[in-house]
C-alpha atoms as a PDB file:
ATOM      1  CA  MET A   1     147.379 152.097  94.423  1.00  0.00           C
ATOM      2  CA  PRO A   2     147.269 148.854  96.925  1.00  0.00           C
ATOM      3  CA  ALA A   3     145.795 145.859  95.510  1.00  0.00           C
ATOM      4  CA  LEU A   4     143.495 145.796  98.954  1.00  0.00           C
ATOM      5  CA  PRO A   5     142.767 148.836 101.274  1.00  0.00           C
ATOM      6  CA  SER A   6     144.763 149.524 104.123  1.00  0.00           C
ATOM      7  CA  SER A   7     141.463 148.537 106.555  1.00  0.00           C
ATOM      8  CA  VAL A   8     141.891 145.266 105.377  1.00  0.00           C
ATOM      9  CA  ILE A   9     145.809 144.664 104.239  1.00  0.00           C
ATOM     10  CA  ASP A  10     146.621 145.871 107.758  1.00  0.00           C
ATOM     11  CA  PRO A  11     145.184 143.684 110.159  1.00  0.00           C
ATOM     12  CA  LEU A  12     145.833 140.766 107.687  1.00  0.00           C
ATOM     13  CA  TRP A  13     149.520 141.546 107.984  1.00  0.00           C
ATOM     14  CA  SER A  14     149.789 141.924 111.718  1.00  0.00           C
ATOM     15  CA  GLN A  15     148.267 138.477 112.333  1.00  0.00           C
ATOM     16  CA  PHE A  16     150.530 137.187 109.201  1.00  0.00           C
ATOM     17  CA  GLU A  17     153.523 138.443 110.614  1.00  0.00           C
ATOM     18  CA  THR A  18     153.192 136.700 113.966  1.00  0.00           C
ATOM     19  CA  LEU A  19     153.269 133.549 111.924  1.00  0.00           C
ATOM     20  CA  LEU A  20     156.577 133.811 110.005  1.00  0.00           C
ATOM     21  CA  PRO A  21     159.363 131.648 111.139  1.00  0.00           C
ATOM     22  CA  THR A  22     162.193 133.345 112.674  1.00  0.00           C
ATOM     23  CA  ILE A  23     165.581 133.620 110.112  1.00  0.00           C
ATOM     24  CA  GLY A  24     168.557 133.950 111.819  1.00  0.00           C
ATOM     25  CA  ASP A  25     171.680 135.830 110.287  1.00  0.00           C
ATOM     26  CA  GLY A  26     174.444 133.290 109.892  1.00  0.00           C
ATOM     27  CA  HIS A  27     176.774 135.424 108.020  1.00  0.00           C
ATOM     28  CA  PRO A  28     179.996 135.829 110.338  1.00  0.00           C
ATOM     29  CA  LEU A  29     180.829 139.237 109.084  1.00  0.00           C
ATOM     30  CA  GLY A  30     176.911 140.520 108.658  1.00  0.00           C
ATOM     31  CA  CYS A  31     178.376 142.056 105.207  1.00  0.00           C
ATOM     32  CA  HIS A  32     176.005 140.005 103.172  1.00  0.00           C
ATOM     33  CA  ARG A  33     172.856 141.585 101.061  1.00  0.00           C
ATOM     34  CA  PRO A  34     170.288 142.551 103.392  1.00  0.00           C
ATOM     35  CA  ARG A  35     167.396 140.320 103.243  1.00  0.00           C
ATOM     36  CA  VAL A  36     164.382 142.191 101.657  1.00  0.00           C
ATOM     37  CA  PRO A  37     161.804 142.972 104.641  1.00  0.00           C
ATOM     38  CA  ASP A  38     158.926 140.308 104.551  1.00  0.00           C
ATOM     39  CA  ARG A  39     156.326 143.451 104.361  1.00  0.00           C
ATOM     40  CA  VAL A  40     157.758 144.121 100.790  1.00  0.00           C
ATOM     41  CA  VAL A  41     157.255 140.351  99.959  1.00  0.00           C
ATOM     42  CA  PHE A  42     154.037 140.179 101.512  1.00  0.00           C
ATOM     43  CA  ASP A  43     152.511 143.152  99.622  1.00  0.00           C
ATOM     44  CA  LYS A  44     153.767 141.800  96.368  1.00  0.00           C
ATOM     45  CA  LEU A  45     152.239 138.181  97.054  1.00  0.00           C
ATOM     46  CA  ILE A  46     149.042 139.803  97.922  1.00  0.00           C
ATOM     47  CA  THR A  47     149.004 142.159  94.741  1.00  0.00           C
ATOM     48  CA  ARG A  48     149.676 138.954  92.563  1.00  0.00           C
ATOM     49  CA  LEU A  49     146.910 137.105  93.999  1.00  0.00           C
ATOM     50  CA  VAL A  50     144.560 140.029  93.227  1.00  0.00           C
ATOM     51  CA  LEU A  51     145.793 141.123  89.677  1.00  0.00           C
ATOM     52  CA  GLY A  52     147.224 137.760  88.622  1.00  0.00           C
ATOM     53  CA  GLY A  53     150.131 137.599  86.356  1.00  0.00           C
ATOM     54  CA  ALA A  54     153.602 136.246  86.613  1.00  0.00           C
ATOM     55  CA  TYR A  55     156.040 137.065  88.966  1.00  0.00           C
ATOM     56  CA  THR A  56     158.306 139.201  86.864  1.00  0.00           C
ATOM     57  CA  LYS A  57     155.419 141.037  86.031  1.00  0.00           C
ATOM     58  CA  HIS A  58     155.325 142.099  89.969  1.00  0.00           C
ATOM     59  CA  ALA A  59     159.023 142.107  90.470  1.00  0.00           C
ATOM     60  CA  ASP A  60     160.754 145.692  91.067  1.00  0.00           C
ATOM     61  CA  ASP A  61     163.716 146.993  92.218  1.00  0.00           C
ATOM     62  CA  ARG A  62     162.888 146.161  95.817  1.00  0.00           C
ATOM     63  CA  VAL A  63     162.107 142.529  95.217  1.00  0.00           C
ATOM     64  CA  SER A  64     162.980 140.179  92.371  1.00  0.00           C
ATOM     65  CA  ALA A  65     160.721 137.406  91.011  1.00  0.00           C
ATOM     66  CA  THR A  66     163.363 134.837  92.492  1.00  0.00           C
ATOM     67  CA  THR A  67     163.108 136.281  95.738  1.00  0.00           C
ATOM     68  CA  LEU A  68     159.069 136.092  95.697  1.00  0.00           C
ATOM     69  CA  ARG A  69     159.213 132.609  94.748  1.00  0.00           C
ATOM     70  CA  ALA A  70     161.719 131.599  97.480  1.00  0.00           C
ATOM     71  CA  ARG A  71     159.796 133.542 100.407  1.00  0.00           C
ATOM     72  CA  ARG A  72     156.527 132.420  99.092  1.00  0.00           C
ATOM     73  CA  ASP A  73     157.900 128.394  99.403  1.00  0.00           C
ATOM     74  CA  GLU A  74     159.502 129.291 102.938  1.00  0.00           C
ATOM     75  CA  TRP A  75     156.600 130.203 104.350  1.00  0.00           C
ATOM     76  CA  ILE A  76     154.317 127.417 102.595  1.00  0.00           C
ATOM     77  CA  THR A  77     157.044 125.209 104.053  1.00  0.00           C
ATOM     78  CA  ALA A  78     156.255 126.710 107.499  1.00  0.00           C
ATOM     79  CA  GLY A  79     152.479 126.509 107.055  1.00  0.00           C
ATOM     80  CA  VAL A  80     151.757 130.163 107.188  1.00  0.00           C
ATOM     81  CA  PHE A  81     149.049 130.515 104.866  1.00  0.00           C
ATOM     82  CA  SER A  82     147.142 127.252 106.122  1.00  0.00           C
ATOM     83  CA  ARG A  83     147.486 128.692 109.657  1.00  0.00           C
ATOM     84  CA  LEU A  84     146.544 132.384 108.516  1.00  0.00           C
ATOM     85  CA  GLU A  85     142.928 130.686 107.513  1.00  0.00           C
ATOM     86  CA  HIS A  86     142.590 128.855 110.515  1.00  0.00           C
ATOM     87  CA  ILE A  87     142.921 131.667 112.863  1.00  0.00           C
ATOM     88  CA  VAL A  88     140.744 134.159 110.634  1.00  0.00           C
ATOM     89  CA  LEU A  89     137.825 131.519 110.616  1.00  0.00           C
ATOM     90  CA  GLU A  90     138.471 130.929 114.430  1.00  0.00           C
ATOM     91  CA  THR A  91     138.202 134.131 114.950  1.00  0.00           C
ATOM     92  CA  PHE A  92     134.924 134.463 113.142  1.00  0.00           C
ATOM     93  CA  ASP A  93     133.306 131.544 114.638  1.00  0.00           C
ATOM     94  CA  HIS A  94     134.342 133.220 118.650  1.00  0.00           C
ATOM     95  CA  ALA A  95     133.332 136.889 117.607  1.00  0.00           C
ATOM     96  CA  ILE A  96     130.381 135.844 115.400  1.00  0.00           C
ATOM     97  CA  GLY A  97     129.710 132.442 114.895  1.00  0.00           C
ATOM     98  CA  LEU A  98     129.801 130.027 112.088  1.00  0.00           C
ATOM     99  CA  ASP A  99     126.588 128.640 111.031  1.00  0.00           C
ATOM    100  CA  LEU A 100     127.462 125.045 110.439  1.00  0.00           C
ATOM    101  CA  THR A 101     123.833 123.634 110.332  1.00  0.00           C
ATOM    102  CA  HIS A 102     123.175 124.962 106.526  1.00  0.00           C
ATOM    103  CA  LEU A 103     126.321 124.109 104.264  1.00  0.00           C
ATOM    104  CA  SER A 104     126.410 124.437 100.517  1.00  0.00           C
ATOM    105  CA  VAL A 105     128.590 122.517  98.275  1.00  0.00           C
ATOM    106  CA  ASP A 106     129.536 123.283  94.406  1.00  0.00           C
ATOM    107  CA  GLY A 107     132.146 123.015  91.888  1.00  0.00           C
ATOM    108  CA  CYS A 108     133.625 125.878  89.691  1.00  0.00           C
ATOM    109  CA  CYS A 109     135.807 125.209  86.776  1.00  0.00           C
ATOM    110  CA  VAL A 110     138.516 128.030  86.000  1.00  0.00           C
ATOM    111  CA  LYS A 111     141.602 127.954  83.135  1.00  0.00           C
ATOM    112  CA  ALA A 112     144.843 126.531  84.091  1.00  0.00           C
ATOM    113  CA  PRO A 113     147.030 127.135  80.978  1.00  0.00           C
ATOM    114  CA  SER A 114     150.323 126.214  82.583  1.00  0.00           C
ATOM    115  CA  GLY A 115     148.726 122.708  83.502  1.00  0.00           C
ATOM    116  CA  GLY A 116     150.512 120.946  86.327  1.00  0.00           C
ATOM    117  CA  ASP A 117     148.860 119.454  89.740  1.00  0.00           C
ATOM    118  CA  ASN A 118     145.115 119.431  90.127  1.00  0.00           C
ATOM    119  CA  THR A 119     144.359 120.330  86.306  1.00  0.00           C
ATOM    120  CA  GLY A 120     142.378 118.426  83.258  1.00  0.00           C
ATOM    121  CA  PRO A 121     140.736 118.784  80.300  1.00  0.00           C
ATOM    122  CA  ASN A 122     137.886 121.403  80.548  1.00  0.00           C
ATOM    123  CA  PRO A 123     134.953 119.702  78.840  1.00  0.00           C
ATOM    124  CA  THR A 124     133.350 123.585  78.732  1.00  0.00           C
ATOM    125  CA  ASP A 125     136.092 124.702  77.266  1.00  0.00           C
ATOM    126  CA  ARG A 126     137.175 122.631  74.097  1.00  0.00           C
ATOM    127  CA  ALA A 127     139.342 120.167  76.514  1.00  0.00           C
ATOM    128  CA  LYS A 128     141.545 123.244  77.183  1.00  0.00           C
ATOM    129  CA  SER A 129     143.587 122.985  80.572  1.00  0.00           C
ATOM    130  CA  GLY A 130     141.661 123.564  83.621  1.00  0.00           C
ATOM    131  CA  GLN A 131     140.849 122.929  87.074  1.00  0.00           C
ATOM    132  CA  LYS A 132     138.173 122.629  89.415  1.00  0.00           C
ATOM    133  CA  ARG A 133     137.388 123.924  92.931  1.00  0.00           C
ATOM    134  CA  SER A 134     134.844 122.362  95.127  1.00  0.00           C
ATOM    135  CA  VAL A 135     133.896 124.832  97.520  1.00  0.00           C
ATOM    136  CA  LEU A 136     132.066 124.134 100.909  1.00  0.00           C
ATOM    137  CA  THR A 137     130.578 127.170 102.895  1.00  0.00           C
ATOM    138  CA  GLU A 138     128.599 127.808 105.975  1.00  0.00           C
ATOM    139  CA  GLY A 139     125.540 129.479 106.423  1.00  0.00           C
ATOM    140  CA  HIS A 140     126.816 133.139 106.281  1.00  0.00           C
ATOM    141  CA  GLY A 141     128.158 132.179 103.137  1.00  0.00           C
ATOM    142  CA  LEU A 142     131.928 131.946 104.113  1.00  0.00           C
ATOM    143  CA  PRO A 143     134.084 129.897 102.698  1.00  0.00           C
ATOM    144  CA  ILE A 144     135.142 127.003 105.030  1.00  0.00           C
ATOM    145  CA  GLY A 145     136.771 124.222 102.676  1.00  0.00           C
ATOM    146  CA  VAL A 146     138.268 124.183  99.104  1.00  0.00           C
ATOM    147  CA  VAL A 147     139.455 120.738  97.305  1.00  0.00           C
ATOM    148  CA  LEU A 148     141.154 121.432  94.020  1.00  0.00           C
ATOM    149  CA  ALA A 149     141.039 118.826  91.074  1.00  0.00           C
ATOM    150  CA  GLY A 150     141.129 118.572  87.301  1.00  0.00           C
ATOM    151  CA  ALA A 151     138.534 120.338  85.394  1.00  0.00           C
ATOM    152  CA  ASN A 152     137.463 116.835  83.864  1.00  0.00           C
ATOM    153  CA  ARG A 153     136.394 115.293  87.814  1.00  0.00           C
ATOM    154  CA  HIS A 154     132.715 115.131  88.069  1.00  0.00           C
ATOM    155  CA  ASP A 155     131.374 117.220  91.041  1.00  0.00           C
ATOM    156  CA  SER A 156     129.843 114.093  92.916  1.00  0.00           C
ATOM    157  CA  PRO A 157     133.224 112.036  93.639  1.00  0.00           C
ATOM    158  CA  LEU A 158     134.581 115.318  95.168  1.00  0.00           C
ATOM    159  CA  LEU A 159     131.734 115.629  97.861  1.00  0.00           C
ATOM    160  CA  ARG A 160     133.339 113.192 100.573  1.00  0.00           C
ATOM    161  CA  PRO A 161     137.000 115.064 100.603  1.00  0.00           C
ATOM    162  CA  THR A 162     135.129 118.726 100.615  1.00  0.00           C
ATOM    163  CA  LEU A 163     132.907 117.908 103.440  1.00  0.00           C
ATOM    164  CA  GLU A 164     135.858 115.994 105.322  1.00  0.00           C
ATOM    165  CA  CYS A 165     137.447 120.145 105.216  1.00  0.00           C
ATOM    166  CA  LEU A 166     135.342 120.535 108.366  1.00  0.00           C
ATOM    167  CA  SER A 167     137.541 118.047 110.617  1.00  0.00           C
ATOM    168  CA  ARG A 168     140.696 120.252 109.202  1.00  0.00           C
ATOM    169  CA  PHE A 169     139.561 123.099 111.581  1.00  0.00           C
ATOM    170  CA  GLY A 170     138.303 121.231 114.554  1.00  0.00           C
ATOM    171  CA  PHE A 171     134.919 123.156 114.455  1.00  0.00           C
ATOM    172  CA  PHE A 172     132.322 121.629 117.565  1.00  0.00           C
ATOM    173  CA  LEU A 173     129.600 120.145 114.965  1.00  0.00           C
ATOM    174  CA  PRO A 174     125.776 120.606 115.537  1.00  0.00           C
ATOM    175  CA  GLU A 175     123.550 117.779 115.729  1.00  0.00           C
ATOM    176  CA  SER A 176     121.489 118.653 112.805  1.00  0.00           C
ATOM    177  CA  ILE A 177     123.545 119.613 109.495  1.00  0.00           C
ATOM    178  CA  ARG A 178     121.619 120.236 106.019  1.00  0.00           C
ATOM    179  CA  VAL A 179     123.756 120.242 102.833  1.00  0.00           C
ATOM    180  CA  ASP A 180     122.054 122.106  99.962  1.00  0.00           C
ATOM    181  CA  LEU A 181     123.506 120.783  96.324  1.00  0.00           C
ATOM    182  CA  ASP A 182     122.917 121.256  92.969  1.00  0.00           C
ATOM    183  CA  SER A 183     121.303 118.729  90.617  1.00  0.00           C
ATOM    184  CA  GLY A 184     124.494 117.486  89.606  1.00  0.00           C
ATOM    185  CA  TYR A 185     124.707 115.722  93.302  1.00  0.00           C
ATOM    186  CA  ASP A 186     121.438 114.284  92.499  1.00  0.00           C
ATOM    187  CA  SER A 187     122.192 110.366  93.263  1.00  0.00           C
ATOM    188  CA  GLN A 188     121.687 107.521  95.386  1.00  0.00           C
ATOM    189  CA  ALA A 189     125.494 107.559  95.926  1.00  0.00           C
ATOM    190  CA  THR A 190     125.065 111.216  97.362  1.00  0.00           C
ATOM    191  CA  ARG A 191     122.582 110.508  99.554  1.00  0.00           C
ATOM    192  CA  GLU A 192     123.918 107.369 101.074  1.00  0.00           C
ATOM    193  CA  LEU A 193     127.230 109.685 101.660  1.00  0.00           C
ATOM    194  CA  LEU A 194     125.273 112.127 103.487  1.00  0.00           C
ATOM    195  CA  ASP A 195     123.741 109.650 105.495  1.00  0.00           C
ATOM    196  CA  GLU A 196     126.969 108.276 106.265  1.00  0.00           C
ATOM    197  CA  PHE A 197     128.203 111.831 107.642  1.00  0.00           C
ATOM    198  CA  GLY A 198     124.630 112.235 109.540  1.00  0.00           C
ATOM    199  CA  CYS A 199     123.690 114.926 107.231  1.00  0.00           C
ATOM    200  CA  GLN A 200     120.353 116.096 105.934  1.00  0.00           C
ATOM    201  CA  ALA A 201     120.371 116.567 101.956  1.00  0.00           C
ATOM    202  CA  LYS A 202     118.577 119.116  99.975  1.00  0.00           C
ATOM    203  CA  ILE A 203     119.342 118.370  96.644  1.00  0.00           C
ATOM    204  CA  SER A 204     117.864 120.185  93.194  1.00  0.00           C
ATOM    205  CA  PRO A 205     116.333 117.037  91.495  1.00  0.00           C
ATOM    206  CA  LYS A 206     117.442 116.587  88.018  1.00  0.00           C
ATOM    207  CA  GLY A 207     115.619 118.025  85.052  1.00  0.00           C
ATOM    208  CA  THR A 208     113.825 120.657  87.125  1.00  0.00           C
ATOM    209  CA  TYR A 209     114.353 124.485  87.084  1.00  0.00           C
ATOM    210  CA  ILE A 210     114.598 125.740  90.433  1.00  0.00           C
ATOM    211  CA  GLU A 211     115.850 129.512  90.875  1.00  0.00           C
ATOM    212  CA  ILE A 212     118.964 129.923  92.924  1.00  0.00           C
ATOM    213  CA  ASN A 213     117.382 132.504  95.358  1.00  0.00           C
ATOM    214  CA  HIS A 214     114.709 129.908  96.201  1.00  0.00           C
ATOM    215  CA  THR A 215     117.304 128.143  97.920  1.00  0.00           C
ATOM    216  CA  ARG A 216     120.696 128.590 100.173  1.00  0.00           C
ATOM    217  CA  ARG A 217     122.715 127.685  97.179  1.00  0.00           C
ATOM    218  CA  TRP A 218     123.321 131.421  95.957  1.00  0.00           C
ATOM    219  CA  LYS A 219     125.881 131.909  98.969  1.00  0.00           C
ATOM    220  CA  VAL A 220     128.324 129.358  97.514  1.00  0.00           C
ATOM    221  CA  GLU A 221     127.352 130.569  94.105  1.00  0.00           C
ATOM    222  CA  ARG A 222     128.632 134.147  95.463  1.00  0.00           C
ATOM    223  CA  VAL A 223     131.881 132.604  96.829  1.00  0.00           C
ATOM    224  CA  ASN A 224     132.769 131.201  93.790  1.00  0.00           C
ATOM    225  CA  SER A 225     132.311 134.856  92.011  1.00  0.00           C
ATOM    226  CA  TRP A 226     134.350 136.344  94.694  1.00  0.00           C
ATOM    227  CA  HIS A 227     137.126 133.853  94.056  1.00  0.00           C
ATOM    228  CA  THR A 228     136.793 134.400  90.155  1.00  0.00           C
ATOM    229  CA  ARG A 229     136.522 138.173  90.232  1.00  0.00           C
ATOM    230  CA  GLY A 230     138.192 139.153  93.106  1.00  0.00           C
ATOM    231  CA  PHE A 231     141.472 137.488  92.957  1.00  0.00           C
ATOM    232  CA  GLY A 232     142.980 137.222  89.095  1.00  0.00           C
ATOM    233  CA  LEU A 233     145.222 134.408  90.197  1.00  0.00           C
ATOM    234  CA  LEU A 234     141.953 132.006  90.760  1.00  0.00           C
ATOM    235  CA  GLN A 235     140.507 132.866  87.769  1.00  0.00           C
ATOM    236  CA  VAL A 236     143.525 131.827  85.644  1.00  0.00           C
ATOM    237  CA  VAL A 237     145.439 129.173  87.687  1.00  0.00           C
ATOM    238  CA  LEU A 238     149.391 129.856  86.480  1.00  0.00           C
ATOM    239  CA  ASP A 239     151.166 127.810  89.470  1.00  0.00           C
ATOM    240  CA  ARG A 240     151.758 124.275  88.663  1.00  0.00           C
ATOM    241  CA  VAL A 241     152.505 122.974  92.244  1.00  0.00           C
ATOM    242  CA  ASP A 242     149.629 121.528  94.243  1.00  0.00           C
ATOM    243  CA  ARG A 243     150.963 123.347  97.625  1.00  0.00           C
ATOM    244  CA  VAL A 244     151.326 126.409  95.903  1.00  0.00           C
ATOM    245  CA  GLN A 245     147.777 126.563  94.731  1.00  0.00           C
ATOM    246  CA  GLN A 246     146.275 125.503  97.914  1.00  0.00           C
ATOM    247  CA  ALA A 247     148.063 128.174  99.900  1.00  0.00           C
ATOM    248  CA  TRP A 248     146.729 130.923  97.314  1.00  0.00           C
ATOM    249  CA  VAL A 249     143.391 129.637  97.834  1.00  0.00           C
ATOM    250  CA  CYS A 250     144.074 129.824 101.860  1.00  0.00           C
ATOM    251  CA  LEU A 251     144.978 133.377 101.620  1.00  0.00           C
ATOM    252  CA  ALA A 252     141.996 134.296  99.239  1.00  0.00           C
ATOM    253  CA  ASN A 253     139.758 132.670 102.103  1.00  0.00           C
ATOM    254  CA  ALA A 254     141.223 134.386 104.700  1.00  0.00           C
ATOM    255  CA  ILE A 255     140.524 137.621 102.983  1.00  0.00           C
ATOM    256  CA  ILE A 256     137.265 136.778 102.304  1.00  0.00           C
ATOM    257  CA  VAL A 257     136.439 135.999 105.781  1.00  0.00           C
ATOM    258  CA  LEU A 258     138.471 138.803 107.451  1.00  0.00           C
ATOM    259  CA  ARG A 259     136.384 141.271 105.576  1.00  0.00           C
ATOM    260  CA  ARG A 260     133.111 139.986 106.868  1.00  0.00           C
ATOM    261  CA  LEU A 261     134.642 140.256 110.121  1.00  0.00           C
ATOM    262  CA  LEU A 262     135.715 143.480 110.002  1.00  0.00           C
ATOM    263  CA  LYS A 263     132.197 144.459 108.308  1.00  0.00           C
ATOM    264  CA  GLU A 264     130.267 142.794 111.135  1.00  0.00           C
ATOM    265  CA  SER A 265     132.451 144.595 113.977  1.00  0.00           C
ATOM    266  CA  TRP A 266     132.034 148.093 112.154  1.00  0.00           C
ATOM    267  CA  VAL A 267     127.807 147.298 112.371  1.00  0.00           C
ATOM    268  CA  ALA A 268     128.296 146.479 115.862  1.00  0.00           C
ATOM    269  CA  LEU A 269     130.429 149.766 116.487  1.00  0.00           C
ATOM    270  CA  ARG A 270     127.918 151.506 114.260  1.00  0.00           C
ATOM    271  CA  TRP A 271     124.825 150.790 116.291  1.00  0.00           C
ATOM    272  CA  ASN A 272     126.547 150.339 119.278  1.00  0.00           C
ATOM    273  CA  THR A 273     125.945 146.664 119.836  1.00  0.00           C
ATOM    274  CA  ARG A 274     127.839 143.769 120.323  1.00  0.00           C
ATOM    275  CA  PRO A 275     127.787 141.077 117.345  1.00  0.00           C
ATOM    276  CA  VAL A 276     125.123 138.502 117.652  1.00  0.00           C
ATOM    277  CA  LYS A 277     126.583 135.062 117.741  1.00  0.00           C
ATOM    278  CA  GLY A 278     125.139 132.899 114.783  1.00  0.00           C
ATOM    279  CA  TYR A 279     123.019 136.222 113.388  1.00  0.00           C
ATOM    280  CA  ASP A 280     122.854 136.916 109.761  1.00  0.00           C
ATOM    281  CA  TRP A 281     123.255 140.971 109.471  1.00  0.00           C
ATOM    282  CA  ARG A 282     122.271 140.803 105.593  1.00  0.00           C
END
């Protein structure tokens, strides 16, 4: 059984394939062991992202764990994963329209038993090794930026690099931007930072309970749930190297945005209408 339905993995592979670097056959006699097809490796990496586990658990007679790691590093060096995320977001922006007037930021801590980059003692898990993801979502609730850090890092210092993720994609930002934050960001330093970025602040005050459905923060909480419940490799981080961790996050975000894009396209086809740019179908 595939880790993702064919309606998602096939268009994802179609775009992914166009980004792969060209590898020439340098053997003079052409009698070496044939290269494992990229599609086989791609399917295995998707399966590992969704189910989690070690590379050896997903290796079989078609592809070894060593080949999975080597091909993964080859594609990371070529920037395939980050470019895929960029292209999927750009396509959604052209077809539907990203709502950058309402942003939400929140942190999420997960287990990282292997340690490595972007890990630290988790204060909520008996100081075991963990990782924090600071996630930025737009108005539709799609992830447009993720910053990785140790689980012992406070959310507030991660706000600046998280908001700076917007410049990575080169989007045209609206004049008015509101950032919704929880009480963990309720400080003067946060307000000064948002003033520096020219953003309005909607921060839940400390000591006051506000139901999450009364704010727009439920969308970033939903993305955190998608990350941890939909992708086993983001629920328990097993890779130790920063660029590998970033690659898995980029691939997961690309899948989330693509699923939403396909859903919007299906709704438009079902009702014989065009997707309305900036309109929330929920």
